[in-house]
N, C-alpha and C. Protein backbone atom coordinates (compact mmCIF):
# COMPACT_ATOMS: atom_id res chain seq x y z
N SER A 1 0.84 -1.19 0.00
CA SER A 1 0.00 0.00 0.00
C SER A 1 0.88 1.25 0.00
N LEU A 2 0.30 2.34 -0.40
CA LEU A 2 1.01 3.62 -0.42
C LEU A 2 1.46 4.00 1.00
N PHE A 3 0.60 3.74 1.97
CA PHE A 3 0.93 4.03 3.37
C PHE A 3 2.20 3.30 3.79
N GLN A 4 2.27 2.01 3.53
CA GLN A 4 3.45 1.23 3.89
C GLN A 4 4.68 1.68 3.11
N SER A 5 4.51 2.03 1.85
CA SER A 5 5.63 2.52 1.05
C SER A 5 6.21 3.80 1.65
N LEU A 6 5.34 4.68 2.11
CA LEU A 6 5.81 5.92 2.73
C LEU A 6 6.62 5.63 3.99
N LEU A 7 6.12 4.71 4.80
CA LEU A 7 6.82 4.39 6.04
C LEU A 7 8.18 3.75 5.79
N ARG A 8 8.29 3.04 4.69
CA ARG A 8 9.57 2.40 4.37
C ARG A 8 10.55 3.35 3.69
N SER A 9 10.07 4.49 3.23
CA SER A 9 10.97 5.40 2.54
C SER A 9 11.96 5.99 3.55
N GLU A 10 13.17 6.15 3.10
CA GLU A 10 14.24 6.63 3.97
C GLU A 10 13.99 8.08 4.36
N ASP A 11 14.10 8.37 5.64
CA ASP A 11 13.97 9.73 6.16
C ASP A 11 12.64 10.41 5.81
N TRP A 12 11.56 9.64 5.81
CA TRP A 12 10.25 10.19 5.47
C TRP A 12 9.88 11.38 6.34
N TRP A 13 10.31 11.38 7.57
CA TRP A 13 9.95 12.45 8.52
C TRP A 13 10.62 13.78 8.16
N GLU A 14 11.65 13.74 7.33
CA GLU A 14 12.33 14.97 6.93
C GLU A 14 11.73 15.58 5.67
N ASP A 15 10.83 14.87 5.02
CA ASP A 15 10.15 15.37 3.82
C ASP A 15 8.79 15.89 4.24
N PRO A 16 8.57 17.21 4.14
CA PRO A 16 7.30 17.77 4.63
C PRO A 16 6.05 17.14 4.02
N GLU A 17 6.09 16.82 2.72
CA GLU A 17 4.92 16.25 2.07
C GLU A 17 4.66 14.82 2.57
N GLU A 18 5.70 14.02 2.68
CA GLU A 18 5.53 12.66 3.18
C GLU A 18 5.12 12.66 4.65
N ALA A 19 5.76 13.50 5.45
CA ALA A 19 5.43 13.56 6.87
C ALA A 19 3.98 13.97 7.07
N GLU A 20 3.52 14.94 6.31
CA GLU A 20 2.13 15.38 6.45
C GLU A 20 1.15 14.30 6.01
N ALA A 21 1.51 13.55 4.98
CA ALA A 21 0.65 12.47 4.51
C ALA A 21 0.50 11.38 5.57
N LEU A 22 1.53 11.18 6.37
CA LEU A 22 1.51 10.13 7.39
C LEU A 22 0.99 10.61 8.75
N ARG A 23 1.00 11.91 8.97
CA ARG A 23 0.67 12.46 10.29
C ARG A 23 -0.67 11.97 10.81
N ARG A 24 -1.74 12.23 10.12
CA ARG A 24 -3.08 11.89 10.62
C ARG A 24 -3.27 10.38 10.81
N PRO A 25 -2.91 9.56 9.80
CA PRO A 25 -3.12 8.12 10.02
C PRO A 25 -2.28 7.56 11.16
N LEU A 26 -1.04 8.03 11.32
CA LEU A 26 -0.22 7.50 12.41
C LEU A 26 -0.71 7.98 13.77
N LEU A 27 -1.15 9.23 13.86
CA LEU A 27 -1.69 9.72 15.13
C LEU A 27 -2.96 8.94 15.50
N ARG A 28 -3.78 8.68 14.51
CA ARG A 28 -5.01 7.91 14.78
C ARG A 28 -4.68 6.48 15.21
N LEU A 29 -3.71 5.86 14.54
CA LEU A 29 -3.30 4.51 14.95
C LEU A 29 -2.73 4.52 16.37
N ALA A 30 -1.94 5.53 16.69
CA ALA A 30 -1.38 5.62 18.04
C ALA A 30 -2.50 5.79 19.07
N ALA A 31 -3.47 6.64 18.77
CA ALA A 31 -4.59 6.84 19.69
C ALA A 31 -5.38 5.54 19.88
N THR A 32 -5.57 4.82 18.81
CA THR A 32 -6.28 3.54 18.90
C THR A 32 -5.49 2.56 19.75
N TYR A 33 -4.21 2.45 19.48
CA TYR A 33 -3.34 1.55 20.24
C TYR A 33 -3.34 1.89 21.73
N LEU A 34 -3.29 3.17 22.06
CA LEU A 34 -3.18 3.60 23.46
C LEU A 34 -4.51 3.60 24.20
N THR A 35 -5.61 3.45 23.50
CA THR A 35 -6.92 3.46 24.17
C THR A 35 -7.66 2.13 24.08
N SER A 36 -7.16 1.21 23.29
CA SER A 36 -7.81 -0.09 23.15
C SER A 36 -7.44 -0.99 24.32
N SER A 37 -8.44 -1.63 24.87
CA SER A 37 -8.22 -2.52 26.00
C SER A 37 -8.34 -3.97 25.56
N THR A 38 -7.37 -4.75 25.96
CA THR A 38 -7.41 -6.17 25.65
C THR A 38 -7.86 -6.93 26.89
N GLY A 39 -9.01 -7.52 26.80
CA GLY A 39 -9.52 -8.30 27.92
C GLY A 39 -9.80 -7.50 29.17
N GLY A 40 -10.09 -6.20 29.02
CA GLY A 40 -10.41 -5.37 30.17
C GLY A 40 -9.22 -4.95 31.00
N SER A 41 -8.01 -5.21 30.48
CA SER A 41 -6.82 -4.86 31.28
C SER A 41 -6.12 -3.61 30.79
N GLY A 42 -6.72 -2.88 29.87
CA GLY A 42 -6.12 -1.66 29.37
C GLY A 42 -5.28 -1.92 28.14
N PRO A 43 -4.59 -0.89 27.67
CA PRO A 43 -3.81 -1.01 26.44
C PRO A 43 -2.65 -1.99 26.58
N ALA A 44 -2.19 -2.47 25.44
CA ALA A 44 -1.06 -3.40 25.42
C ALA A 44 0.24 -2.73 25.85
N ASP A 45 0.34 -1.42 25.68
CA ASP A 45 1.57 -0.70 25.97
C ASP A 45 1.82 -0.62 27.48
N PRO A 46 2.98 -1.12 27.96
CA PRO A 46 3.23 -1.14 29.40
C PRO A 46 3.40 0.25 30.01
N VAL A 47 3.95 1.18 29.26
CA VAL A 47 4.10 2.55 29.79
C VAL A 47 2.73 3.19 29.95
N ALA A 48 1.86 2.99 28.98
CA ALA A 48 0.50 3.52 29.09
C ALA A 48 -0.21 2.91 30.29
N ARG A 49 -0.10 1.59 30.45
CA ARG A 49 -0.76 0.93 31.60
C ARG A 49 -0.22 1.49 32.92
N PHE A 50 1.08 1.75 32.99
CA PHE A 50 1.66 2.31 34.22
C PHE A 50 1.01 3.65 34.55
N HIS A 51 1.03 4.58 33.60
CA HIS A 51 0.49 5.92 33.87
C HIS A 51 -1.01 5.89 34.12
N LEU A 52 -1.74 5.15 33.29
CA LEU A 52 -3.19 5.10 33.45
C LEU A 52 -3.57 4.41 34.75
N GLY A 53 -2.84 3.38 35.12
CA GLY A 53 -3.09 2.69 36.37
C GLY A 53 -2.80 3.53 37.59
N ASN A 54 -1.96 4.55 37.41
CA ASN A 54 -1.65 5.47 38.50
C ASN A 54 -2.53 6.72 38.48
N GLY A 55 -3.56 6.71 37.63
CA GLY A 55 -4.54 7.79 37.65
C GLY A 55 -4.31 8.92 36.67
N ALA A 56 -3.40 8.76 35.74
CA ALA A 56 -3.19 9.81 34.74
C ALA A 56 -4.26 9.74 33.67
N ARG A 57 -4.35 10.80 32.92
CA ARG A 57 -5.23 10.88 31.75
C ARG A 57 -4.34 10.94 30.51
N LEU A 58 -4.70 10.22 29.47
CA LEU A 58 -3.99 10.32 28.21
C LEU A 58 -4.31 11.70 27.64
N GLU A 59 -3.33 12.56 27.61
CA GLU A 59 -3.56 13.97 27.32
C GLU A 59 -3.27 14.35 25.87
N ARG A 60 -2.10 13.96 25.36
CA ARG A 60 -1.71 14.45 24.04
C ARG A 60 -0.80 13.43 23.37
N ILE A 61 -0.95 13.33 22.06
CA ILE A 61 -0.04 12.52 21.24
C ILE A 61 0.71 13.50 20.36
N ASN A 62 2.02 13.51 20.49
CA ASN A 62 2.87 14.50 19.82
C ASN A 62 3.49 13.94 18.55
N TRP A 63 3.17 14.57 17.43
CA TRP A 63 3.69 14.17 16.13
C TRP A 63 5.16 14.57 16.01
N LEU A 64 5.99 13.61 15.67
CA LEU A 64 7.43 13.80 15.49
C LEU A 64 8.07 14.46 16.70
N GLY A 65 7.65 14.02 17.86
CA GLY A 65 8.23 14.52 19.11
C GLY A 65 9.61 13.95 19.40
N ASN A 66 9.96 12.84 18.74
CA ASN A 66 11.27 12.22 18.93
C ASN A 66 11.75 11.67 17.60
N VAL A 67 12.56 12.47 16.89
CA VAL A 67 13.05 12.04 15.58
C VAL A 67 14.46 11.46 15.64
N ALA A 68 14.91 11.14 16.84
CA ALA A 68 16.17 10.41 16.97
C ALA A 68 15.97 9.04 16.33
N PRO A 69 17.02 8.40 15.85
CA PRO A 69 16.86 7.09 15.21
C PRO A 69 16.03 6.10 16.03
N ARG A 70 16.27 6.04 17.31
CA ARG A 70 15.51 5.11 18.16
C ARG A 70 14.03 5.50 18.22
N GLY A 71 13.74 6.79 18.30
CA GLY A 71 12.35 7.26 18.34
C GLY A 71 11.59 6.93 17.07
N ILE A 72 12.25 7.07 15.93
CA ILE A 72 11.62 6.73 14.66
C ILE A 72 11.40 5.23 14.58
N LYS A 73 12.40 4.46 14.96
CA LYS A 73 12.31 3.00 14.88
C LYS A 73 11.23 2.44 15.81
N GLU A 74 11.16 2.94 17.03
CA GLU A 74 10.24 2.38 18.01
C GLU A 74 8.82 2.92 17.93
N SER A 75 8.65 4.18 17.49
CA SER A 75 7.30 4.76 17.54
C SER A 75 7.01 5.74 16.41
N PHE A 76 7.76 5.63 15.31
CA PHE A 76 7.59 6.55 14.19
C PHE A 76 7.68 8.01 14.65
N GLY A 77 8.47 8.24 15.69
CA GLY A 77 8.69 9.59 16.19
C GLY A 77 7.60 10.13 17.09
N ILE A 78 6.59 9.33 17.37
CA ILE A 78 5.45 9.79 18.19
C ILE A 78 5.80 9.69 19.67
N MET A 79 5.44 10.74 20.39
CA MET A 79 5.58 10.75 21.85
C MET A 79 4.22 11.05 22.46
N VAL A 80 4.07 10.69 23.72
CA VAL A 80 2.78 10.81 24.40
C VAL A 80 2.96 11.58 25.71
N ASN A 81 1.97 12.41 26.03
CA ASN A 81 1.93 13.09 27.32
C ASN A 81 0.74 12.58 28.13
N TYR A 82 0.98 12.36 29.40
CA TYR A 82 -0.07 11.99 30.35
C TYR A 82 -0.21 13.13 31.34
N LEU A 83 -1.44 13.39 31.76
CA LEU A 83 -1.72 14.46 32.71
C LEU A 83 -2.14 13.85 34.04
N TYR A 84 -1.45 14.26 35.09
CA TYR A 84 -1.83 13.87 36.45
C TYR A 84 -2.52 15.06 37.10
N ASP A 85 -3.83 15.04 37.09
CA ASP A 85 -4.64 16.08 37.71
C ASP A 85 -4.98 15.62 39.12
N PRO A 86 -4.45 16.29 40.15
CA PRO A 86 -4.68 15.84 41.53
C PRO A 86 -6.16 15.65 41.86
N GLU A 87 -7.01 16.46 41.25
CA GLU A 87 -8.45 16.35 41.53
C GLU A 87 -9.10 15.13 40.87
N ALA A 88 -8.42 14.53 39.88
CA ALA A 88 -9.04 13.44 39.12
C ALA A 88 -8.28 12.12 39.22
N ILE A 89 -7.14 12.11 39.88
CA ILE A 89 -6.30 10.90 39.91
C ILE A 89 -7.07 9.68 40.43
N GLU A 90 -7.75 9.83 41.54
CA GLU A 90 -8.44 8.68 42.12
C GLU A 90 -9.54 8.16 41.19
N ALA A 91 -10.34 9.07 40.65
CA ALA A 91 -11.43 8.66 39.74
C ALA A 91 -10.86 8.02 38.47
N ASN A 92 -9.79 8.60 37.94
CA ASN A 92 -9.17 8.03 36.73
C ASN A 92 -8.64 6.63 37.02
N HIS A 93 -7.99 6.48 38.16
CA HIS A 93 -7.46 5.18 38.55
C HIS A 93 -8.59 4.15 38.65
N GLU A 94 -9.66 4.52 39.33
CA GLU A 94 -10.79 3.59 39.52
C GLU A 94 -11.42 3.21 38.17
N THR A 95 -11.56 4.18 37.29
CA THR A 95 -12.13 3.91 35.96
C THR A 95 -11.26 2.91 35.22
N PHE A 96 -9.95 3.12 35.26
CA PHE A 96 -9.03 2.22 34.57
C PHE A 96 -8.99 0.85 35.23
N ALA A 97 -8.94 0.81 36.55
CA ALA A 97 -8.85 -0.46 37.27
C ALA A 97 -10.10 -1.32 37.10
N ARG A 98 -11.25 -0.67 36.99
CA ARG A 98 -12.52 -1.40 36.87
C ARG A 98 -12.57 -2.25 35.60
N ASP A 99 -12.24 -1.66 34.45
CA ASP A 99 -12.39 -2.42 33.20
C ASP A 99 -11.41 -2.02 32.11
N GLY A 100 -10.36 -1.30 32.47
CA GLY A 100 -9.36 -0.92 31.48
C GLY A 100 -9.72 0.30 30.65
N THR A 101 -10.78 1.00 31.04
CA THR A 101 -11.18 2.19 30.29
C THR A 101 -10.12 3.28 30.43
N VAL A 102 -9.73 3.85 29.31
CA VAL A 102 -8.70 4.88 29.28
C VAL A 102 -9.36 6.25 29.35
N VAL A 103 -9.06 7.00 30.40
CA VAL A 103 -9.53 8.38 30.50
C VAL A 103 -8.63 9.20 29.58
N ARG A 104 -9.25 9.98 28.70
CA ARG A 104 -8.48 10.70 27.68
C ARG A 104 -9.02 12.10 27.48
N SER A 105 -8.17 12.94 26.93
CA SER A 105 -8.54 14.32 26.65
C SER A 105 -9.44 14.40 25.42
N PRO A 106 -10.11 15.53 25.25
CA PRO A 106 -10.92 15.71 24.02
C PRO A 106 -10.07 15.61 22.75
N ALA A 107 -8.82 16.03 22.81
CA ALA A 107 -7.95 15.95 21.63
C ALA A 107 -7.74 14.50 21.20
N ILE A 108 -7.62 13.60 22.15
CA ILE A 108 -7.46 12.17 21.83
C ILE A 108 -8.78 11.64 21.28
N SER A 109 -9.88 12.02 21.87
CA SER A 109 -11.19 11.59 21.36
C SER A 109 -11.39 12.06 19.92
N ASP A 110 -10.93 13.28 19.61
CA ASP A 110 -11.03 13.79 18.24
C ASP A 110 -10.26 12.91 17.26
N LEU A 111 -9.10 12.43 17.67
CA LEU A 111 -8.31 11.54 16.80
C LEU A 111 -9.05 10.24 16.51
N LEU A 112 -9.90 9.83 17.45
CA LEU A 112 -10.61 8.56 17.33
C LEU A 112 -11.99 8.69 16.69
N ALA A 113 -12.43 9.91 16.44
CA ALA A 113 -13.77 10.14 15.91
C ALA A 113 -13.96 9.38 14.60
N PRO A 114 -15.12 8.69 14.45
CA PRO A 114 -15.33 7.87 13.25
C PRO A 114 -15.32 8.67 11.96
N ASP A 115 -15.67 9.94 12.01
CA ASP A 115 -15.70 10.73 10.78
C ASP A 115 -14.35 11.39 10.48
N ALA A 116 -13.36 11.17 11.33
CA ALA A 116 -12.05 11.76 11.11
C ALA A 116 -11.33 11.00 10.01
N PRO A 117 -10.93 11.69 8.94
CA PRO A 117 -10.24 10.99 7.86
C PRO A 117 -8.86 10.52 8.31
N ALA A 118 -8.57 9.26 8.08
CA ALA A 118 -7.28 8.71 8.51
C ALA A 118 -6.31 8.54 7.35
N THR A 119 -6.80 8.44 6.13
CA THR A 119 -5.89 8.11 5.03
C THR A 119 -5.97 9.06 3.85
N GLY A 120 -6.78 10.08 3.90
CA GLY A 120 -6.92 10.98 2.76
C GLY A 120 -5.62 11.60 2.32
N ALA A 121 -4.81 12.05 3.26
CA ALA A 121 -3.55 12.68 2.88
C ALA A 121 -2.60 11.67 2.25
N VAL A 122 -2.66 10.43 2.70
CA VAL A 122 -1.80 9.40 2.11
C VAL A 122 -2.20 9.18 0.66
N ARG A 123 -3.49 9.09 0.39
CA ARG A 123 -3.95 8.88 -0.98
C ARG A 123 -3.60 10.06 -1.87
N SER A 124 -3.61 11.28 -1.31
CA SER A 124 -3.38 12.45 -2.13
C SER A 124 -1.91 12.64 -2.49
N LEU A 125 -1.02 12.01 -1.77
CA LEU A 125 0.40 12.12 -2.08
C LEU A 125 0.68 11.34 -3.36
N SER A 126 1.31 11.97 -4.28
CA SER A 126 1.53 11.31 -5.57
C SER A 126 2.54 10.20 -5.45
N ARG A 127 2.31 9.15 -6.20
CA ARG A 127 3.27 8.04 -6.26
C ARG A 127 4.61 8.51 -6.81
N LYS A 128 4.57 9.53 -7.62
CA LYS A 128 5.80 10.07 -8.21
C LYS A 128 6.78 10.49 -7.12
N SER A 129 6.29 11.04 -6.04
CA SER A 129 7.19 11.51 -4.98
C SER A 129 7.90 10.36 -4.29
N LEU A 130 7.30 9.16 -4.32
CA LEU A 130 7.92 8.01 -3.68
C LEU A 130 9.10 7.49 -4.47
N GLY A 131 9.11 7.72 -5.78
CA GLY A 131 10.16 7.18 -6.62
C GLY A 131 11.36 8.10 -6.79
N ARG A 132 11.30 9.30 -6.24
CA ARG A 132 12.40 10.24 -6.47
C ARG A 132 13.66 9.81 -5.72
N ALA A 133 14.76 10.19 -6.24
CA ALA A 133 16.05 9.84 -5.61
C ALA A 133 16.24 10.70 -4.38
N ARG A 134 16.90 10.12 -3.42
CA ARG A 134 17.19 10.85 -2.18
C ARG A 134 18.67 10.99 -2.01
């Protein structure tokens, strides 16, 4: 697929057109990964489970927050912020402990909205740009 071809292209994050084409679908995938619960135990990600289990809220997913080689390899450069609101920690913890429900900010909910386009930018990127020499 075009999406996979973009991800395999060398230094895609340094090309503004390729990075923009991947931004929305990768952020949406990250939001899905970080909010999906497997068997009521919360997300598969151990760091997410740690923060959510301690009462944090999934606050923000940062596009290209870590473009070091390891950051690109492990998370396509995506970083996550959790918010510890003293007034909500106990309720957030109880919500998560009860059934793995992830308390999240409106920005995360927007990424997950069913009407949010996830692949339009990928389709609009011309195949010609993928074949250019780097």
